[in-house]
């Protein structure tokens, strides 16, 4: 008798598991189509291709480099103006 109950319980759990998997796939599909509000890119980094990841890393590195160069340019420009004011 207990074996039949266990089999029945296993069937119920299998059905529930199948429903949860289907629901999970629906949610994955919905998330796949959403975009980030800030950058309009994919919402999940895990969904990005490795090329997209590399491009984002390179983009961040270049932004830092531009920021550093602009600061250096600002320092040089203000120093030259200061020197011209003294002369």
Foldseek 3Di string as FASTA:
>chain_A
DVVVVVVVVVVVVVVVVVVVVVVVVVVVVVQQPDADPPPRHRPDPVSDDVVVVVVVVVVVVVVVVVVVVVVVVVVVVVVVVVVVVVD
